[in-house]
Amino acid sequence: HQLTTDYLAAMRAHIKRSVANAMPTATSVFIGGGTPTLVPAAELMSVLAEIPLAVGCEVTVECNPDDITLEMMQTFRAGGVNRIS
C-alpha cells in the first residue's frame, strides 16, 4: 500500500509542476493500463482532481467488472468520470 501511496503522490506532484509550467487543459483523460480499480477510487480521484479539464472533457477509467462496486462508481462519478471501459 505504501508504494501505491508514494506513486500517486509523485503523480500529483508531477501534474502540479506541469500545470505551473503551462500544461494545456485536457480534452480527454484515460486512466487505464492495467487494473486502476485496484487503487482506491478516492485516491485515483485525488490525482484526477489535479488535472485541468476542458468543458465537456471525456474522463475514462478502465474497470474490471469483477472489481467494480457501486461505491467506486459513485466516487468516480463525483470525481468527474463520465465513461468506463
PDB file of N, CA and C in Angstrom:
ATOM      1  N   HIS A   1       0.821  -1.201   0.000  1.00  0.00           N
ATOM      2  CA  HIS A   1       0.000   0.000   0.000  1.00  0.00           C
ATOM      3  C   HIS A   1       0.867   1.270   0.000  1.00  0.00           C
ATOM      4  N   GLN A   2       1.988   1.242   0.696  1.00  0.00           N
ATOM      5  CA  GLN A   2       2.847   2.431   0.757  1.00  0.00           C
ATOM      6  C   GLN A   2       3.410   2.784  -0.615  1.00  0.00           C
ATOM      7  N   LEU A   3       3.752   1.769  -1.401  1.00  0.00           N
ATOM      8  CA  LEU A   3       4.266   2.013  -2.747  1.00  0.00           C
ATOM      9  C   LEU A   3       3.210   2.734  -3.593  1.00  0.00           C
ATOM     10  N   THR A   4       1.970   2.289  -3.493  1.00  0.00           N
ATOM     11  CA  THR A   4       0.879   2.932  -4.231  1.00  0.00           C
ATOM     12  C   THR A   4       0.695   4.370  -3.776  1.00  0.00           C
ATOM     13  N   THR A   5       0.699   4.588  -2.473  1.00  0.00           N
ATOM     14  CA  THR A   5       0.549   5.935  -1.917  1.00  0.00           C
ATOM     15  C   THR A   5       1.659   6.852  -2.413  1.00  0.00           C
ATOM     16  N   ASP A   6       2.888   6.357  -2.383  1.00  0.00           N
ATOM     17  CA  ASP A   6       4.034   7.149  -2.846  1.00  0.00           C
ATOM     18  C   ASP A   6       3.939   7.445  -4.342  1.00  0.00           C
ATOM     19  N   TYR A   7       3.531   6.447  -5.117  1.00  0.00           N
ATOM     20  CA  TYR A   7       3.405   6.614  -6.564  1.00  0.00           C
ATOM     21  C   TYR A   7       2.353   7.678  -6.894  1.00  0.00           C
ATOM     22  N   LEU A   8       1.203   7.603  -6.243  1.00  0.00           N
ATOM     23  CA  LEU A   8       0.147   8.580  -6.501  1.00  0.00           C
ATOM     24  C   LEU A   8       0.564   9.981  -6.065  1.00  0.00           C
ATOM     25  N   ALA A   9       1.288  10.078  -4.966  1.00  0.00           N
ATOM     26  CA  ALA A   9       1.804  11.385  -4.523  1.00  0.00           C
ATOM     27  C   ALA A   9       2.767  11.952  -5.560  1.00  0.00           C
ATOM     28  N   ALA A  10       3.600  11.095  -6.127  1.00  0.00           N
ATOM     29  CA  ALA A  10       4.536  11.536  -7.168  1.00  0.00           C
ATOM     30  C   ALA A  10       3.777  11.987  -8.416  1.00  0.00           C
ATOM     31  N   MET A  11       2.716  11.278  -8.766  1.00  0.00           N
ATOM     32  CA  MET A  11       1.905  11.682  -9.918  1.00  0.00           C
ATOM     33  C   MET A  11       1.270  13.050  -9.686  1.00  0.00           C
ATOM     34  N   ARG A  12       0.708  13.254  -8.498  1.00  0.00           N
ATOM     35  CA  ARG A  12       0.093  14.550  -8.190  1.00  0.00           C
ATOM     36  C   ARG A  12       1.131  15.670  -8.251  1.00  0.00           C
ATOM     37  N   ALA A  13       2.309  15.426  -7.706  1.00  0.00           N
ATOM     38  CA  ALA A  13       3.377  16.433  -7.724  1.00  0.00           C
ATOM     39  C   ALA A  13       3.800  16.743  -9.160  1.00  0.00           C
ATOM     40  N   HIS A  14       3.922  15.717  -9.988  1.00  0.00           N
ATOM     41  CA  HIS A  14       4.305  15.916 -11.388  1.00  0.00           C
ATOM     42  C   HIS A  14       3.249  16.745 -12.123  1.00  0.00           C
ATOM     43  N   ILE A  15       1.992  16.421 -11.901  1.00  0.00           N
ATOM     44  CA  ILE A  15       0.919  17.173 -12.555  1.00  0.00           C
ATOM     45  C   ILE A  15       0.938  18.630 -12.099  1.00  0.00           C
ATOM     46  N   LYS A  16       1.117  18.864 -10.802  1.00  0.00           N
ATOM     47  CA  LYS A  16       1.171  20.240 -10.287  1.00  0.00           C
ATOM     48  C   LYS A  16       2.309  21.026 -10.936  1.00  0.00           C
ATOM     49  N   ARG A  17       3.475  20.384 -11.090  1.00  0.00           N
ATOM     50  CA  ARG A  17       4.606  21.055 -11.753  1.00  0.00           C
ATOM     51  C   ARG A  17       4.271  21.345 -13.213  1.00  0.00           C
ATOM     52  N   SER A  18       3.626  20.394 -13.866  1.00  0.00           N
ATOM     53  CA  SER A  18       3.261  20.581 -15.273  1.00  0.00           C
ATOM     54  C   SER A  18       2.260  21.710 -15.441  1.00  0.00           C
ATOM     55  N   VAL A  19       1.289  21.786 -14.545  1.00  0.00           N
ATOM     56  CA  VAL A  19       0.303  22.872 -14.596  1.00  0.00           C
ATOM     57  C   VAL A  19       1.003  24.213 -14.394  1.00  0.00           C
ATOM     58  N   ALA A  20       1.936  24.267 -13.456  1.00  0.00           N
ATOM     59  CA  ALA A  20       2.686  25.503 -13.200  1.00  0.00           C
ATOM     60  C   ALA A  20       3.508  25.920 -14.415  1.00  0.00           C
ATOM     61  N   ASN A  21       3.860  24.948 -15.257  1.00  0.00           N
ATOM     62  CA  ASN A  21       4.634  25.227 -16.471  1.00  0.00           C
ATOM     63  C   ASN A  21       3.746  25.266 -17.709  1.00  0.00           C
ATOM     64  N   ALA A  22       2.483  25.655 -17.512  1.00  0.00           N
ATOM     65  CA  ALA A  22       1.530  25.879 -18.608  1.00  0.00           C
ATOM     66  C   ALA A  22       1.074  24.607 -19.313  1.00  0.00           C
ATOM     67  N   MET A  23       0.857  23.536 -18.562  1.00  0.00           N
ATOM     68  CA  MET A  23       0.284  22.327 -19.150  1.00  0.00           C
ATOM     69  C   MET A  23      -1.074  22.686 -19.751  1.00  0.00           C
ATOM     70  N   PRO A  24      -1.345  22.260 -20.988  1.00  0.00           N
ATOM     71  CA  PRO A  24      -2.636  22.598 -21.590  1.00  0.00           C
ATOM     72  C   PRO A  24      -3.794  21.891 -20.872  1.00  0.00           C
ATOM     73  N   THR A  25      -4.969  22.452 -21.030  1.00  0.00           N
ATOM     74  CA  THR A  25      -6.176  21.856 -20.468  1.00  0.00           C
ATOM     75  C   THR A  25      -6.465  20.554 -21.202  1.00  0.00           C
ATOM     76  N   ALA A  26      -6.792  19.513 -20.460  1.00  0.00           N
ATOM     77  CA  ALA A  26      -7.048  18.200 -21.060  1.00  0.00           C
ATOM     78  C   ALA A  26      -8.424  18.167 -21.712  1.00  0.00           C
ATOM     79  N   THR A  27      -8.475  17.614 -22.906  1.00  0.00           N
ATOM     80  CA  THR A  27      -9.752  17.417 -23.583  1.00  0.00           C
ATOM     81  C   THR A  27     -10.219  15.974 -23.459  1.00  0.00           C
ATOM     82  N   SER A  28      -9.317  15.091 -23.009  1.00  0.00           N
ATOM     83  CA  SER A  28      -9.633  13.684 -22.789  1.00  0.00           C
ATOM     84  C   SER A  28      -8.629  13.124 -21.790  1.00  0.00           C
ATOM     85  N   VAL A  29      -9.128  12.341 -20.839  1.00  0.00           N
ATOM     86  CA  VAL A  29      -8.265  11.687 -19.858  1.00  0.00           C
ATOM     87  C   VAL A  29      -8.650  10.218 -19.817  1.00  0.00           C
ATOM     88  N   PHE A  30      -7.653   9.339 -19.900  1.00  0.00           N
ATOM     89  CA  PHE A  30      -7.887   7.901 -19.813  1.00  0.00           C
ATOM     90  C   PHE A  30      -7.026   7.346 -18.689  1.00  0.00           C
ATOM     91  N   ILE A  31      -7.666   6.776 -17.684  1.00  0.00           N
ATOM     92  CA  ILE A  31      -6.953   6.139 -16.577  1.00  0.00           C
ATOM     93  C   ILE A  31      -7.081   4.645 -16.798  1.00  0.00           C
ATOM     94  N   GLY A  32      -5.978   4.030 -17.188  1.00  0.00           N
ATOM     95  CA  GLY A  32      -6.008   2.609 -17.509  1.00  0.00           C
ATOM     96  C   GLY A  32      -4.623   2.026 -17.436  1.00  0.00           C
ATOM     97  N   GLY A  33      -4.376   1.056 -18.282  1.00  0.00           N
ATOM     98  CA  GLY A  33      -3.054   0.444 -18.318  1.00  0.00           C
ATOM     99  C   GLY A  33      -2.837  -0.505 -17.167  1.00  0.00           C
ATOM    100  N   GLY A  34      -3.596  -1.538 -17.125  1.00  0.00           N
ATOM    101  CA  GLY A  34      -3.522  -2.476 -16.007  1.00  0.00           C
ATOM    102  C   GLY A  34      -4.881  -2.555 -15.359  1.00  0.00           C
ATOM    103  N   THR A  35      -4.898  -2.432 -14.078  1.00  0.00           N
ATOM    104  CA  THR A  35      -6.163  -2.507 -13.357  1.00  0.00           C
ATOM    105  C   THR A  35      -6.244  -1.350 -12.371  1.00  0.00           C
ATOM    106  N   PRO A  36      -6.556  -0.148 -12.853  1.00  0.00           N
ATOM    107  CA  PRO A  36      -6.580   1.005 -11.955  1.00  0.00           C
ATOM    108  C   PRO A  36      -7.618   0.884 -10.847  1.00  0.00           C
ATOM    109  N   THR A  37      -8.628   0.032 -11.026  1.00  0.00           N
ATOM    110  CA  THR A  37      -9.645  -0.097  -9.988  1.00  0.00           C
ATOM    111  C   THR A  37      -9.146  -0.864  -8.771  1.00  0.00           C
ATOM    112  N   LEU A  38      -7.919  -1.371  -8.811  1.00  0.00           N
ATOM    113  CA  LEU A  38      -7.330  -1.961  -7.608  1.00  0.00           C
ATOM    114  C   LEU A  38      -6.845  -0.874  -6.657  1.00  0.00           C
ATOM    115  N   VAL A  39      -6.682   0.344  -7.174  1.00  0.00           N
ATOM    116  CA  VAL A  39      -6.336   1.503  -6.347  1.00  0.00           C
ATOM    117  C   VAL A  39      -7.654   2.065  -5.812  1.00  0.00           C
ATOM    118  N   PRO A  40      -7.732   2.426  -4.537  1.00  0.00           N
ATOM    119  CA  PRO A  40      -8.974   3.002  -4.021  1.00  0.00           C
ATOM    120  C   PRO A  40      -9.444   4.179  -4.885  1.00  0.00           C
ATOM    121  N   ALA A  41     -10.731   4.180  -5.176  1.00  0.00           N
ATOM    122  CA  ALA A  41     -11.301   5.183  -6.079  1.00  0.00           C
ATOM    123  C   ALA A  41     -11.006   6.609  -5.626  1.00  0.00           C
ATOM    124  N   ALA A  42     -11.097   6.870  -4.339  1.00  0.00           N
ATOM    125  CA  ALA A  42     -10.840   8.228  -3.838  1.00  0.00           C
ATOM    126  C   ALA A  42      -9.403   8.655  -4.115  1.00  0.00           C
ATOM    127  N   GLU A  43      -8.467   7.711  -4.049  1.00  0.00           N
ATOM    128  CA  GLU A  43      -7.065   8.040  -4.338  1.00  0.00           C
ATOM    129  C   GLU A  43      -6.874   8.341  -5.820  1.00  0.00           C
ATOM    130  N   LEU A  44      -7.536   7.571  -6.688  1.00  0.00           N
ATOM    131  CA  LEU A  44      -7.467   7.871  -8.124  1.00  0.00           C
ATOM    132  C   LEU A  44      -8.049   9.251  -8.408  1.00  0.00           C
ATOM    133  N   MET A  45      -9.156   9.563  -7.752  1.00  0.00           N
ATOM    134  CA  MET A  45      -9.804  10.852  -7.986  1.00  0.00           C
ATOM    135  C   MET A  45      -8.958  12.007  -7.459  1.00  0.00           C
ATOM    136  N   SER A  46      -8.117  11.753  -6.460  1.00  0.00           N
ATOM    137  CA  SER A  46      -7.228  12.816  -5.968  1.00  0.00           C
ATOM    138  C   SER A  46      -6.194  13.187  -7.028  1.00  0.00           C
ATOM    139  N   VAL A  47      -5.810  12.234  -7.853  1.00  0.00           N
ATOM    140  CA  VAL A  47      -4.900  12.522  -8.969  1.00  0.00           C
ATOM    141  C   VAL A  47      -5.663  13.273 -10.063  1.00  0.00           C
ATOM    142  N   LEU A  48      -6.835  12.778 -10.405  1.00  0.00           N
ATOM    143  CA  LEU A  48      -7.643  13.421 -11.442  1.00  0.00           C
ATOM    144  C   LEU A  48      -7.953  14.873 -11.087  1.00  0.00           C
ATOM    145  N   ALA A  49      -8.167  15.141  -9.820  1.00  0.00           N
ATOM    146  CA  ALA A  49      -8.512  16.499  -9.373  1.00  0.00           C
ATOM    147  C   ALA A  49      -7.417  17.515  -9.680  1.00  0.00           C
ATOM    148  N   GLU A  50      -6.194  17.056  -9.892  1.00  0.00           N
ATOM    149  CA  GLU A  50      -5.076  17.962 -10.184  1.00  0.00           C
ATOM    150  C   GLU A  50      -5.002  18.356 -11.657  1.00  0.00           C
ATOM    151  N   ILE A  51      -5.719  17.651 -12.511  1.00  0.00           N
ATOM    152  CA  ILE A  51      -5.638  17.876 -13.955  1.00  0.00           C
ATOM    153  C   ILE A  51      -6.657  18.933 -14.377  1.00  0.00           C
ATOM    154  N   PRO A  52      -6.206  20.000 -15.047  1.00  0.00           N
ATOM    155  CA  PRO A  52      -7.171  20.982 -15.554  1.00  0.00           C
ATOM    156  C   PRO A  52      -7.937  20.382 -16.738  1.00  0.00           C
ATOM    157  N   LEU A  53      -9.257  20.319 -16.598  1.00  0.00           N
ATOM    158  CA  LEU A  53     -10.099  19.680 -17.607  1.00  0.00           C
ATOM    159  C   LEU A  53     -10.879  20.717 -18.406  1.00  0.00           C
ATOM    160  N   ALA A  54     -10.944  20.507 -19.712  1.00  0.00           N
ATOM    161  CA  ALA A  54     -11.766  21.351 -20.570  1.00  0.00           C
ATOM    162  C   ALA A  54     -13.239  21.034 -20.314  1.00  0.00           C
ATOM    163  N   VAL A  55     -14.096  21.996 -20.588  1.00  0.00           N
ATOM    164  CA  VAL A  55     -15.531  21.756 -20.503  1.00  0.00           C
ATOM    165  C   VAL A  55     -15.880  20.618 -21.456  1.00  0.00           C
ATOM    166  N   GLY A  56     -16.628  19.651 -20.984  1.00  0.00           N
ATOM    167  CA  GLY A  56     -17.021  18.522 -21.816  1.00  0.00           C
ATOM    168  C   GLY A  56     -15.946  17.463 -21.975  1.00  0.00           C
ATOM    169  N   CYS A  57     -14.876  17.555 -21.203  1.00  0.00           N
ATOM    170  CA  CYS A  57     -13.777  16.590 -21.278  1.00  0.00           C
ATOM    171  C   CYS A  57     -14.289  15.178 -21.006  1.00  0.00           C
ATOM    172  N   GLU A  58     -13.889  14.238 -21.853  1.00  0.00           N
ATOM    173  CA  GLU A  58     -14.214  12.834 -21.603  1.00  0.00           C
ATOM    174  C   GLU A  58     -13.187  12.279 -20.629  1.00  0.00           C
ATOM    175  N   VAL A  59     -13.658  11.730 -19.522  1.00  0.00           N
ATOM    176  CA  VAL A  59     -12.787  11.161 -18.494  1.00  0.00           C
ATOM    177  C   VAL A  59     -13.172   9.696 -18.331  1.00  0.00           C
ATOM    178  N   THR A  60     -12.243   8.815 -18.706  1.00  0.00           N
ATOM    179  CA  THR A  60     -12.492   7.380 -18.711  1.00  0.00           C
ATOM    180  C   THR A  60     -11.636   6.677 -17.673  1.00  0.00           C
ATOM    181  N   VAL A  61     -12.231   5.693 -16.998  1.00  0.00           N
ATOM    182  CA  VAL A  61     -11.480   4.794 -16.125  1.00  0.00           C
ATOM    183  C   VAL A  61     -11.711   3.377 -16.628  1.00  0.00           C
ATOM    184  N   GLU A  62     -10.620   2.666 -16.857  1.00  0.00           N
ATOM    185  CA  GLU A  62     -10.689   1.267 -17.249  1.00  0.00           C
ATOM    186  C   GLU A  62     -11.085   0.456 -16.017  1.00  0.00           C
ATOM    187  N   CYS A  63     -12.108  -0.378 -16.151  1.00  0.00           N
ATOM    188  CA  CYS A  63     -12.620  -1.133 -15.000  1.00  0.00           C
ATOM    189  C   CYS A  63     -12.742  -2.613 -15.320  1.00  0.00           C
ATOM    190  N   ASN A  64     -12.374  -3.437 -14.366  1.00  0.00           N
ATOM    191  CA  ASN A  64     -12.623  -4.866 -14.442  1.00  0.00           C
ATOM    192  C   ASN A  64     -13.987  -5.097 -13.801  1.00  0.00           C
ATOM    193  N   PRO A  65     -14.944  -5.663 -14.532  1.00  0.00           N
ATOM    194  CA  PRO A  65     -16.285  -5.858 -13.973  1.00  0.00           C
ATOM    195  C   PRO A  65     -16.304  -6.652 -12.661  1.00  0.00           C
ATOM    196  N   ASP A  66     -15.312  -7.504 -12.450  1.00  0.00           N
ATOM    197  CA  ASP A  66     -15.264  -8.290 -11.214  1.00  0.00           C
ATOM    198  C   ASP A  66     -14.860  -7.452 -10.006  1.00  0.00           C
ATOM    199  N   ASP A  67     -14.223  -6.303 -10.233  1.00  0.00           N
ATOM    200  CA  ASP A  67     -13.708  -5.480  -9.135  1.00  0.00           C
ATOM    201  C   ASP A  67     -14.579  -4.276  -8.801  1.00  0.00           C
ATOM    202  N   ILE A  68     -15.414  -3.848  -9.714  1.00  0.00           N
ATOM    203  CA  ILE A  68     -16.143  -2.591  -9.556  1.00  0.00           C
ATOM    204  C   ILE A  68     -17.298  -2.743  -8.560  1.00  0.00           C
ATOM    205  N   THR A  69     -17.506  -1.698  -7.780  1.00  0.00           N
ATOM    206  CA  THR A  69     -18.608  -1.679  -6.816  1.00  0.00           C
ATOM    207  C   THR A  69     -19.430  -0.411  -7.032  1.00  0.00           C
ATOM    208  N   LEU A  70     -20.613  -0.386  -6.465  1.00  0.00           N
ATOM    209  CA  LEU A  70     -21.450   0.804  -6.558  1.00  0.00           C
ATOM    210  C   LEU A  70     -20.744   1.997  -5.920  1.00  0.00           C
ATOM    211  N   GLU A  71     -20.094   1.779  -4.790  1.00  0.00           N
ATOM    212  CA  GLU A  71     -19.372   2.863  -4.111  1.00  0.00           C
ATOM    213  C   GLU A  71     -18.270   3.435  -5.009  1.00  0.00           C
ATOM    214  N   MET A  72     -17.532   2.553  -5.700  1.00  0.00           N
ATOM    215  CA  MET A  72     -16.491   3.020  -6.627  1.00  0.00           C
ATOM    216  C   MET A  72     -17.110   3.868  -7.735  1.00  0.00           C
ATOM    217  N   MET A  73     -18.203   3.375  -8.299  1.00  0.00           N
ATOM    218  CA  MET A  73     -18.860   4.102  -9.387  1.00  0.00           C
ATOM    219  C   MET A  73     -19.335   5.476  -8.909  1.00  0.00           C
ATOM    220  N   GLN A  74     -19.874   5.535  -7.703  1.00  0.00           N
ATOM    221  CA  GLN A  74     -20.332   6.815  -7.161  1.00  0.00           C
ATOM    222  C   GLN A  74     -19.157   7.771  -6.952  1.00  0.00           C
ATOM    223  N   THR A  75     -18.043   7.240  -6.461  1.00  0.00           N
ATOM    224  CA  THR A  75     -16.846   8.065  -6.259  1.00  0.00           C
ATOM    225  C   THR A  75     -16.306   8.557  -7.594  1.00  0.00           C
ATOM    226  N   PHE A  76     -16.251   7.671  -8.584  1.00  0.00           N
ATOM    227  CA  PHE A  76     -15.790   8.074  -9.911  1.00  0.00           C
ATOM    228  C   PHE A  76     -16.683   9.180 -10.475  1.00  0.00           C
ATOM    229  N   ARG A  77     -17.977   8.985 -10.396  1.00  0.00           N
ATOM    230  CA  ARG A  77     -18.916   9.966 -10.950  1.00  0.00           C
ATOM    231  C   ARG A  77     -18.750  11.321 -10.259  1.00  0.00           C
ATOM    232  N   ALA A  78     -18.670  11.299  -8.934  1.00  0.00           N
ATOM    233  CA  ALA A  78     -18.494  12.543  -8.173  1.00  0.00           C
ATOM    234  C   ALA A  78     -17.159  13.209  -8.503  1.00  0.00           C
ATOM    235  N   GLY A  79     -16.156  12.402  -8.884  1.00  0.00           N
ATOM    236  CA  GLY A  79     -14.834  12.929  -9.205  1.00  0.00           C
ATOM    237  C   GLY A  79     -14.684  13.406 -10.634  1.00  0.00           C
ATOM    238  N   GLY A  80     -15.737  13.244 -11.451  1.00  0.00           N
ATOM    239  CA  GLY A  80     -15.696  13.752 -12.813  1.00  0.00           C
ATOM    240  C   GLY A  80     -15.602  12.704 -13.902  1.00  0.00           C
ATOM    241  N   VAL A  81     -15.565  11.434 -13.533  1.00  0.00           N
ATOM    242  CA  VAL A  81     -15.508  10.367 -14.546  1.00  0.00           C
ATOM    243  C   VAL A  81     -16.869  10.291 -15.231  1.00  0.00           C
ATOM    244  N   ASN A  82     -16.847  10.255 -16.563  1.00  0.00           N
ATOM    245  CA  ASN A  82     -18.098  10.167 -17.310  1.00  0.00           C
ATOM    246  C   ASN A  82     -18.116   8.995 -18.287  1.00  0.00           C
ATOM    247  N   ARG A  83     -17.119   8.124 -18.170  1.00  0.00           N
ATOM    248  CA  ARG A  83     -17.059   6.943 -19.044  1.00  0.00           C
ATOM    249  C   ARG A  83     -16.218   5.876 -18.364  1.00  0.00           C
ATOM    250  N   ILE A  84     -16.654   4.617 -18.470  1.00  0.00           N
ATOM    251  CA  ILE A  84     -15.829   3.494 -18.032  1.00  0.00           C
ATOM    252  C   ILE A  84     -15.649   2.563 -19.214  1.00  0.00           C
ATOM    253  N   SER A  85     -14.559   1.823 -19.202  1.00  0.00           N
ATOM    254  CA  SER A  85     -14.324   0.870 -20.298  1.00  0.00           C
ATOM    255  C   SER A  85     -13.841  -0.437 -19.725  1.00  0.00           C
TER     256      SER A  85
END
